[in-house]
Amino acid sequence: MQRRIEMEFDMLDLLLTDARVRTFDSAQPWAEAVGILGDRIAFVGRADEAPAARETRHLEGRLVTPGII
């Protein structure tokens, strides 16, 4: 399962993959990848379902959690 924010784009700016992503969403508490477009999260889900990205960073199983700014 993936959550995708409905946005028009050709390619993500940054894809964080090979991670343990804590979403705090009971429908999908964990994910493998996060895609960023500009200053927005545009993709959260399985790495093999992620859109193409200009830059990809493999996090080698590191934990990613949401932060509040």
PDB file of N, CA and C in Angstrom:
ATOM      1  N   MET A   1       0.836  -1.170   0.000  1.00  0.00           N
ATOM      2  CA  MET A   1       0.000   0.000   0.000  1.00  0.00           C
ATOM      3  C   MET A   1       0.884   1.238   0.000  1.00  0.00           C
ATOM      4  N   GLN A   2       0.428   2.280  -0.636  1.00  0.00           N
ATOM      5  CA  GLN A   2       1.178   3.532  -0.678  1.00  0.00           C
ATOM      6  C   GLN A   2       0.221   4.685  -0.502  1.00  0.00           C
ATOM      7  N   ARG A   3       0.752   5.789  -0.049  1.00  0.00           N
ATOM      8  CA  ARG A   3      -0.013   7.031  -0.005  1.00  0.00           C
ATOM      9  C   ARG A   3       0.659   7.984  -0.962  1.00  0.00           C
ATOM     10  N   ARG A   4      -0.104   8.522  -1.833  1.00  0.00           N
ATOM     11  CA  ARG A   4       0.434   9.463  -2.803  1.00  0.00           C
ATOM     12  C   ARG A   4      -0.391  10.740  -2.719  1.00  0.00           C
ATOM     13  N   ILE A   5       0.275  11.840  -2.567  1.00  0.00           N
ATOM     14  CA  ILE A   5      -0.392  13.123  -2.601  1.00  0.00           C
ATOM     15  C   ILE A   5      -0.613  13.453  -4.067  1.00  0.00           C
ATOM     16  N   GLU A   6      -1.832  13.798  -4.407  1.00  0.00           N
ATOM     17  CA  GLU A   6      -2.154  14.054  -5.810  1.00  0.00           C
ATOM     18  C   GLU A   6      -1.484  15.339  -6.276  1.00  0.00           C
ATOM     19  N   MET A   7      -0.415  15.182  -7.045  1.00  0.00           N
ATOM     20  CA  MET A   7       0.327  16.304  -7.585  1.00  0.00           C
ATOM     21  C   MET A   7       0.711  15.953  -9.013  1.00  0.00           C
ATOM     22  N   GLU A   8       0.808  16.945  -9.840  1.00  0.00           N
ATOM     23  CA  GLU A   8       1.289  16.749 -11.203  1.00  0.00           C
ATOM     24  C   GLU A   8       2.802  16.932 -11.202  1.00  0.00           C
ATOM     25  N   PHE A   9       3.537  15.889 -11.581  1.00  0.00           N
ATOM     26  CA  PHE A   9       4.979  16.017 -11.693  1.00  0.00           C
ATOM     27  C   PHE A   9       5.521  14.910 -12.572  1.00  0.00           C
ATOM     28  N   ASP A  10       6.663  15.195 -13.179  1.00  0.00           N
ATOM     29  CA  ASP A  10       7.335  14.209 -14.020  1.00  0.00           C
ATOM     30  C   ASP A  10       8.281  13.342 -13.207  1.00  0.00           C
ATOM     31  N   MET A  11       8.906  13.954 -12.196  1.00  0.00           N
ATOM     32  CA  MET A  11       9.943  13.256 -11.458  1.00  0.00           C
ATOM     33  C   MET A  11      10.084  13.905 -10.081  1.00  0.00           C
ATOM     34  N   LEU A  12      10.334  13.068  -9.078  1.00  0.00           N
ATOM     35  CA  LEU A  12      10.613  13.585  -7.734  1.00  0.00           C
ATOM     36  C   LEU A  12      11.963  14.283  -7.721  1.00  0.00           C
ATOM     37  N   ASP A  13      12.135  15.214  -6.802  1.00  0.00           N
ATOM     38  CA  ASP A  13      13.447  15.830  -6.608  1.00  0.00           C
ATOM     39  C   ASP A  13      14.371  14.893  -5.834  1.00  0.00           C
ATOM     40  N   LEU A  14      13.821  14.234  -4.806  1.00  0.00           N
ATOM     41  CA  LEU A  14      14.624  13.375  -3.937  1.00  0.00           C
ATOM     42  C   LEU A  14      13.813  12.170  -3.514  1.00  0.00           C
ATOM     43  N   LEU A  15      14.422  10.997  -3.560  1.00  0.00           N
ATOM     44  CA  LEU A  15      13.811   9.768  -3.065  1.00  0.00           C
ATOM     45  C   LEU A  15      14.701   9.199  -1.984  1.00  0.00           C
ATOM     46  N   LEU A  16      14.147   9.058  -0.782  1.00  0.00           N
ATOM     47  CA  LEU A  16      14.827   8.378   0.316  1.00  0.00           C
ATOM     48  C   LEU A  16      14.316   6.948   0.307  1.00  0.00           C
ATOM     49  N   THR A  17      15.199   5.991   0.161  1.00  0.00           N
ATOM     50  CA  THR A  17      14.786   4.605   0.024  1.00  0.00           C
ATOM     51  C   THR A  17      15.651   3.695   0.886  1.00  0.00           C
ATOM     52  N   ASP A  18      15.264   2.415   0.961  1.00  0.00           N
ATOM     53  CA  ASP A  18      15.965   1.439   1.793  1.00  0.00           C
ATOM     54  C   ASP A  18      15.971   1.923   3.246  1.00  0.00           C
ATOM     55  N   ALA A  19      14.803   2.412   3.688  1.00  0.00           N
ATOM     56  CA  ALA A  19      14.667   2.986   5.024  1.00  0.00           C
ATOM     57  C   ALA A  19      13.533   2.295   5.775  1.00  0.00           C
ATOM     58  N   ARG A  20      13.484   2.533   7.074  1.00  0.00           N
ATOM     59  CA  ARG A  20      12.328   2.169   7.898  1.00  0.00           C
ATOM     60  C   ARG A  20      11.632   3.487   8.205  1.00  0.00           C
ATOM     61  N   VAL A  21      10.536   3.744   7.503  1.00  0.00           N
ATOM     62  CA  VAL A  21       9.832   5.015   7.608  1.00  0.00           C
ATOM     63  C   VAL A  21       8.627   4.831   8.524  1.00  0.00           C
ATOM     64  N   ARG A  22       8.631   5.523   9.652  1.00  0.00           N
ATOM     65  CA  ARG A  22       7.515   5.483  10.599  1.00  0.00           C
ATOM     66  C   ARG A  22       6.530   6.560  10.188  1.00  0.00           C
ATOM     67  N   THR A  23       5.299   6.165   9.846  1.00  0.00           N
ATOM     68  CA  THR A  23       4.332   7.114   9.308  1.00  0.00           C
ATOM     69  C   THR A  23       3.328   7.634  10.345  1.00  0.00           C
ATOM     70  N   PHE A  24       3.115   6.892  11.413  1.00  0.00           N
ATOM     71  CA  PHE A  24       2.094   7.217  12.414  1.00  0.00           C
ATOM     72  C   PHE A  24       0.699   7.250  11.799  1.00  0.00           C
ATOM     73  N   ASP A  25       0.502   6.488  10.739  1.00  0.00           N
ATOM     74  CA  ASP A  25      -0.787   6.299  10.077  1.00  0.00           C
ATOM     75  C   ASP A  25      -1.194   4.853  10.349  1.00  0.00           C
ATOM     76  N   SER A  26      -2.288   4.644  11.048  1.00  0.00           N
ATOM     77  CA  SER A  26      -2.677   3.281  11.433  1.00  0.00           C
ATOM     78  C   SER A  26      -2.945   2.387  10.225  1.00  0.00           C
ATOM     79  N   ALA A  27      -3.338   2.947   9.087  1.00  0.00           N
ATOM     80  CA  ALA A  27      -3.571   2.163   7.874  1.00  0.00           C
ATOM     81  C   ALA A  27      -2.263   1.702   7.239  1.00  0.00           C
ATOM     82  N   GLN A  28      -1.192   2.433   7.476  1.00  0.00           N
ATOM     83  CA  GLN A  28       0.126   2.117   6.923  1.00  0.00           C
ATOM     84  C   GLN A  28       1.180   2.642   7.898  1.00  0.00           C
ATOM     85  N   PRO A  29       1.436   1.908   8.999  1.00  0.00           N
ATOM     86  CA  PRO A  29       2.348   2.419  10.022  1.00  0.00           C
ATOM     87  C   PRO A  29       3.814   2.482   9.603  1.00  0.00           C
ATOM     88  N   TRP A  30       4.200   1.675   8.614  1.00  0.00           N
ATOM     89  CA  TRP A  30       5.594   1.642   8.162  1.00  0.00           C
ATOM     90  C   TRP A  30       5.657   1.694   6.639  1.00  0.00           C
ATOM     91  N   ALA A  31       6.713   2.285   6.120  1.00  0.00           N
ATOM     92  CA  ALA A  31       6.965   2.336   4.681  1.00  0.00           C
ATOM     93  C   ALA A  31       8.461   2.162   4.449  1.00  0.00           C
ATOM     94  N   GLU A  32       8.841   2.046   3.177  1.00  0.00           N
ATOM     95  CA  GLU A  32      10.247   1.847   2.797  1.00  0.00           C
ATOM     96  C   GLU A  32      10.869   3.066   2.127  1.00  0.00           C
ATOM     97  N   ALA A  33      10.013   3.967   1.636  1.00  0.00           N
ATOM     98  CA  ALA A  33      10.529   5.078   0.832  1.00  0.00           C
ATOM     99  C   ALA A  33       9.688   6.332   1.030  1.00  0.00           C
ATOM    100  N   VAL A  34      10.348   7.474   0.885  1.00  0.00           N
ATOM    101  CA  VAL A  34       9.700   8.784   0.927  1.00  0.00           C
ATOM    102  C   VAL A  34      10.195   9.577  -0.274  1.00  0.00           C
ATOM    103  N   GLY A  35       9.268  10.154  -1.016  1.00  0.00           N
ATOM    104  CA  GLY A  35       9.627  10.980  -2.159  1.00  0.00           C
ATOM    105  C   GLY A  35       9.306  12.439  -1.891  1.00  0.00           C
ATOM    106  N   ILE A  36      10.241  13.316  -2.239  1.00  0.00           N
ATOM    107  CA  ILE A  36      10.094  14.738  -1.973  1.00  0.00           C
ATOM    108  C   ILE A  36      10.120  15.500  -3.291  1.00  0.00           C
ATOM    109  N   LEU A  37       9.196  16.444  -3.397  1.00  0.00           N
ATOM    110  CA  LEU A  37       9.113  17.317  -4.562  1.00  0.00           C
ATOM    111  C   LEU A  37       9.044  18.743  -4.044  1.00  0.00           C
ATOM    112  N   GLY A  38      10.077  19.522  -4.315  1.00  0.00           N
ATOM    113  CA  GLY A  38      10.140  20.875  -3.761  1.00  0.00           C
ATOM    114  C   GLY A  38      10.251  20.806  -2.257  1.00  0.00           C
ATOM    115  N   ASP A  39       9.296  21.417  -1.562  1.00  0.00           N
ATOM    116  CA  ASP A  39       9.291  21.369  -0.105  1.00  0.00           C
ATOM    117  C   ASP A  39       8.142  20.513   0.426  1.00  0.00           C
ATOM    118  N   ARG A  40       7.661  19.575  -0.396  1.00  0.00           N
ATOM    119  CA  ARG A  40       6.514  18.733  -0.036  1.00  0.00           C
ATOM    120  C   ARG A  40       6.849  17.252  -0.148  1.00  0.00           C
ATOM    121  N   ILE A  41       6.250  16.462   0.727  1.00  0.00           N
ATOM    122  CA  ILE A  41       6.322  15.009   0.594  1.00  0.00           C
ATOM    123  C   ILE A  41       5.282  14.613  -0.445  1.00  0.00           C
ATOM    124  N   ALA A  42       5.721  13.962  -1.505  1.00  0.00           N
ATOM    125  CA  ALA A  42       4.830  13.598  -2.608  1.00  0.00           C
ATOM    126  C   ALA A  42       4.570  12.099  -2.675  1.00  0.00           C
ATOM    127  N   PHE A  43       5.338  11.294  -1.941  1.00  0.00           N
ATOM    128  CA  PHE A  43       5.173   9.842  -1.991  1.00  0.00           C
ATOM    129  C   PHE A  43       5.641   9.241  -0.675  1.00  0.00           C
ATOM    130  N   VAL A  44       4.875   8.276  -0.170  1.00  0.00           N
ATOM    131  CA  VAL A  44       5.275   7.435   0.957  1.00  0.00           C
ATOM    132  C   VAL A  44       4.784   6.038   0.626  1.00  0.00           C
ATOM    133  N   GLY A  45       5.674   5.063   0.624  1.00  0.00           N
ATOM    134  CA  GLY A  45       5.230   3.717   0.299  1.00  0.00           C
ATOM    135  C   GLY A  45       6.381   2.753   0.086  1.00  0.00           C
ATOM    136  N   ARG A  46       6.104   1.722  -0.698  1.00  0.00           N
ATOM    137  CA  ARG A  46       7.110   0.714  -1.010  1.00  0.00           C
ATOM    138  C   ARG A  46       8.125   1.273  -1.992  1.00  0.00           C
ATOM    139  N   ALA A  47       9.368   0.895  -1.801  1.00  0.00           N
ATOM    140  CA  ALA A  47      10.438   1.400  -2.663  1.00  0.00           C
ATOM    141  C   ALA A  47      10.223   1.007  -4.120  1.00  0.00           C
ATOM    142  N   ASP A  48       9.723  -0.200  -4.361  1.00  0.00           N
ATOM    143  CA  ASP A  48       9.548  -0.647  -5.748  1.00  0.00           C
ATOM    144  C   ASP A  48       8.369   0.027  -6.442  1.00  0.00           C
ATOM    145  N   GLU A  49       7.565   0.793  -5.718  1.00  0.00           N
ATOM    146  CA  GLU A  49       6.446   1.528  -6.302  1.00  0.00           C
ATOM    147  C   GLU A  49       6.735   3.026  -6.407  1.00  0.00           C
ATOM    148  N   ALA A  50       7.901   3.445  -6.003  1.00  0.00           N
ATOM    149  CA  ALA A  50       8.234   4.869  -5.982  1.00  0.00           C
ATOM    150  C   ALA A  50       8.443   5.415  -7.396  1.00  0.00           C
ATOM    151  N   PRO A  51       8.029   6.657  -7.620  1.00  0.00           N
ATOM    152  CA  PRO A  51       8.294   7.304  -8.909  1.00  0.00           C
ATOM    153  C   PRO A  51       9.790   7.561  -9.100  1.00  0.00           C
ATOM    154  N   ALA A  52      10.174   7.868 -10.306  1.00  0.00           N
ATOM    155  CA  ALA A  52      11.569   8.211 -10.600  1.00  0.00           C
ATOM    156  C   ALA A  52      11.937   9.500  -9.873  1.00  0.00           C
ATOM    157  N   ALA A  53      13.243   9.636  -9.579  1.00  0.00           N
ATOM    158  CA  ALA A  53      13.718  10.817  -8.864  1.00  0.00           C
ATOM    159  C   ALA A  53      15.032  11.304  -9.462  1.00  0.00           C
ATOM    160  N   ARG A  54      15.252  12.605  -9.352  1.00  0.00           N
ATOM    161  CA  ARG A  54      16.511  13.192  -9.812  1.00  0.00           C
ATOM    162  C   ARG A  54      17.677  12.746  -8.946  1.00  0.00           C
ATOM    163  N   GLU A  55      17.407  12.564  -7.640  1.00  0.00           N
ATOM    164  CA  GLU A  55      18.439  12.109  -6.709  1.00  0.00           C
ATOM    165  C   GLU A  55      17.831  11.045  -5.802  1.00  0.00           C
ATOM    166  N   THR A  56      18.575   9.979  -5.562  1.00  0.00           N
ATOM    167  CA  THR A  56      18.138   8.908  -4.670  1.00  0.00           C
ATOM    168  C   THR A  56      19.188   8.699  -3.603  1.00  0.00           C
ATOM    169  N   ARG A  57      18.732   8.614  -2.375  1.00  0.00           N
ATOM    170  CA  ARG A  57      19.627   8.322  -1.250  1.00  0.00           C
ATOM    171  C   ARG A  57      19.187   7.031  -0.599  1.00  0.00           C
ATOM    172  N   HIS A  58      20.087   6.060  -0.556  1.00  0.00           N
ATOM    173  CA  HIS A  58      19.833   4.767   0.074  1.00  0.00           C
ATOM    174  C   HIS A  58      20.240   4.880   1.537  1.00  0.00           C
ATOM    175  N   LEU A  59      19.283   4.694   2.425  1.00  0.00           N
ATOM    176  CA  LEU A  59      19.520   4.939   3.845  1.00  0.00           C
ATOM    177  C   LEU A  59      19.957   3.701   4.623  1.00  0.00           C
ATOM    178  N   GLU A  60      20.148   2.587   3.953  1.00  0.00           N
ATOM    179  CA  GLU A  60      20.703   1.365   4.555  1.00  0.00           C
ATOM    180  C   GLU A  60      19.974   0.948   5.828  1.00  0.00           C
ATOM    181  N   GLY A  61      18.628   1.008   5.781  1.00  0.00           N
ATOM    182  CA  GLY A  61      17.816   0.543   6.892  1.00  0.00           C
ATOM    183  C   GLY A  61      17.650   1.528   8.034  1.00  0.00           C
ATOM    184  N   ARG A  62      18.131   2.741   7.878  1.00  0.00           N
ATOM    185  CA  ARG A  62      18.007   3.742   8.938  1.00  0.00           C
ATOM    186  C   ARG A  62      16.538   4.141   9.128  1.00  0.00           C
ATOM    187  N   LEU A  63      16.226   4.630  10.328  1.00  0.00           N
ATOM    188  CA  LEU A  63      14.880   5.035  10.693  1.00  0.00           C
ATOM    189  C   LEU A  63      14.618   6.472  10.250  1.00  0.00           C
ATOM    190  N   VAL A  64      13.443   6.688   9.643  1.00  0.00           N
ATOM    191  CA  VAL A  64      12.984   8.018   9.264  1.00  0.00           C
ATOM    192  C   VAL A  64      11.663   8.248   9.987  1.00  0.00           C
ATOM    193  N   THR A  65      11.548   9.347  10.726  1.00  0.00           N
ATOM    194  CA  THR A  65      10.306   9.686  11.415  1.00  0.00           C
ATOM    195  C   THR A  65       9.894  11.099  11.047  1.00  0.00           C
ATOM    196  N   PRO A  66       8.589  11.391  11.097  1.00  0.00           N
ATOM    197  CA  PRO A  66       8.139  12.745  10.775  1.00  0.00           C
ATOM    198  C   PRO A  66       8.580  13.725  11.858  1.00  0.00           C
ATOM    199  N   GLY A  67       8.800  14.951  11.444  1.00  0.00           N
ATOM    200  CA  GLY A  67       9.141  16.018  12.375  1.00  0.00           C
ATOM    201  C   GLY A  67       8.193  17.172  12.206  1.00  0.00           C
ATOM    202  N   ILE A  68       8.111  17.992  13.201  1.00  0.00           N
ATOM    203  CA  ILE A  68       7.253  19.162  13.132  1.00  0.00           C
ATOM    204  C   ILE A  68       8.137  20.393  13.144  1.00  0.00           C
ATOM    205  N   ILE A  69       7.883  21.277  12.192  1.00  0.00           N
ATOM    206  CA  ILE A  69       8.692  22.499  12.093  1.00  0.00           C
ATOM    207  C   ILE A  69       7.893  23.665  12.624  1.00  0.00           C
TER     208      ILE A  69
END
